[in-house]
Amino acid sequence: MKLSKPKNNTWIIAVIAGVLGILGTFISIPVVSEYSFWLVVIGFVLLALATYFKDL
């Protein structure tokens, strides 16, 4: 299996989702706090898919 580095836009979106999820856990943000766990999961899954697929 050959892995590739994620594109910058994909990496930035994944990091933003992860950071929002972590912040939503510690700070009460109306919409974000409700889905904080899923935002972190989406960030990690997006990074994993971006390293697996070449053009993501």
Protein backbone atom coordinates (compact mmCIF):
# COMPACT_ATOMS: atom_id res chain seq x y z
CA MET A 1 0.00 0.00 0.00
CA LYS A 2 1.46 3.31 -1.07
CA LEU A 3 0.45 6.34 0.96
CA SER A 4 0.55 9.96 -0.19
CA LYS A 5 0.54 13.23 1.65
CA PRO A 6 -2.81 15.06 1.87
CA LYS A 7 -3.34 18.28 -0.05
CA ASN A 8 -3.10 21.51 1.91
CA ASN A 9 -6.83 22.28 1.68
CA THR A 10 -7.77 18.82 2.93
CA TRP A 11 -5.32 19.08 5.80
CA ILE A 12 -6.60 22.53 6.81
CA ILE A 13 -10.25 21.38 6.76
CA ALA A 14 -9.39 18.32 8.87
CA VAL A 15 -7.46 20.40 11.41
CA ILE A 16 -10.26 22.97 11.66
CA ALA A 17 -12.82 20.20 12.25
CA GLY A 18 -10.60 18.64 14.92
CA VAL A 19 -9.89 21.92 16.68
CA LEU A 20 -13.57 22.88 16.66
CA GLY A 21 -14.41 19.49 18.13
CA ILE A 22 -11.85 19.83 20.89
CA LEU A 23 -12.91 23.40 21.67
CA GLY A 24 -16.55 22.33 21.69
CA THR A 25 -15.73 19.87 24.44
CA PHE A 26 -14.20 22.45 26.78
CA ILE A 27 -16.12 25.61 25.80
CA SER A 28 -19.87 25.84 25.35
CA ILE A 29 -20.37 26.74 21.69
CA PRO A 30 -24.06 26.42 20.74
CA VAL A 31 -23.90 24.26 17.60
CA VAL A 32 -20.36 22.91 17.83
CA SER A 33 -20.57 21.53 21.38
CA GLU A 34 -23.44 19.26 20.41
CA TYR A 35 -21.35 17.55 17.69
CA SER A 36 -17.85 17.89 19.15
CA PHE A 37 -17.08 14.16 19.18
CA TRP A 38 -18.18 13.75 15.56
CA LEU A 39 -16.13 16.75 14.42
CA VAL A 40 -12.97 15.14 15.82
CA VAL A 41 -13.88 11.82 14.19
CA ILE A 42 -14.51 13.54 10.85
CA GLY A 43 -11.13 15.28 11.08
CA PHE A 44 -9.27 12.03 11.71
CA VAL A 45 -11.16 10.08 9.06
CA LEU A 46 -10.58 12.85 6.51
CA LEU A 47 -6.85 12.77 7.20
CA ALA A 48 -6.76 8.98 6.95
CA LEU A 49 -8.64 9.01 3.63
CA ALA A 50 -6.44 11.79 2.29
CA THR A 51 -3.30 9.76 2.94
CA TYR A 52 -4.82 6.64 1.40
CA PHE A 53 -6.18 8.24 -1.79
CA LYS A 54 -3.80 10.17 -4.02
CA ASP A 55 -5.93 13.12 -5.16
CA LEU A 56 -7.81 13.96 -1.99
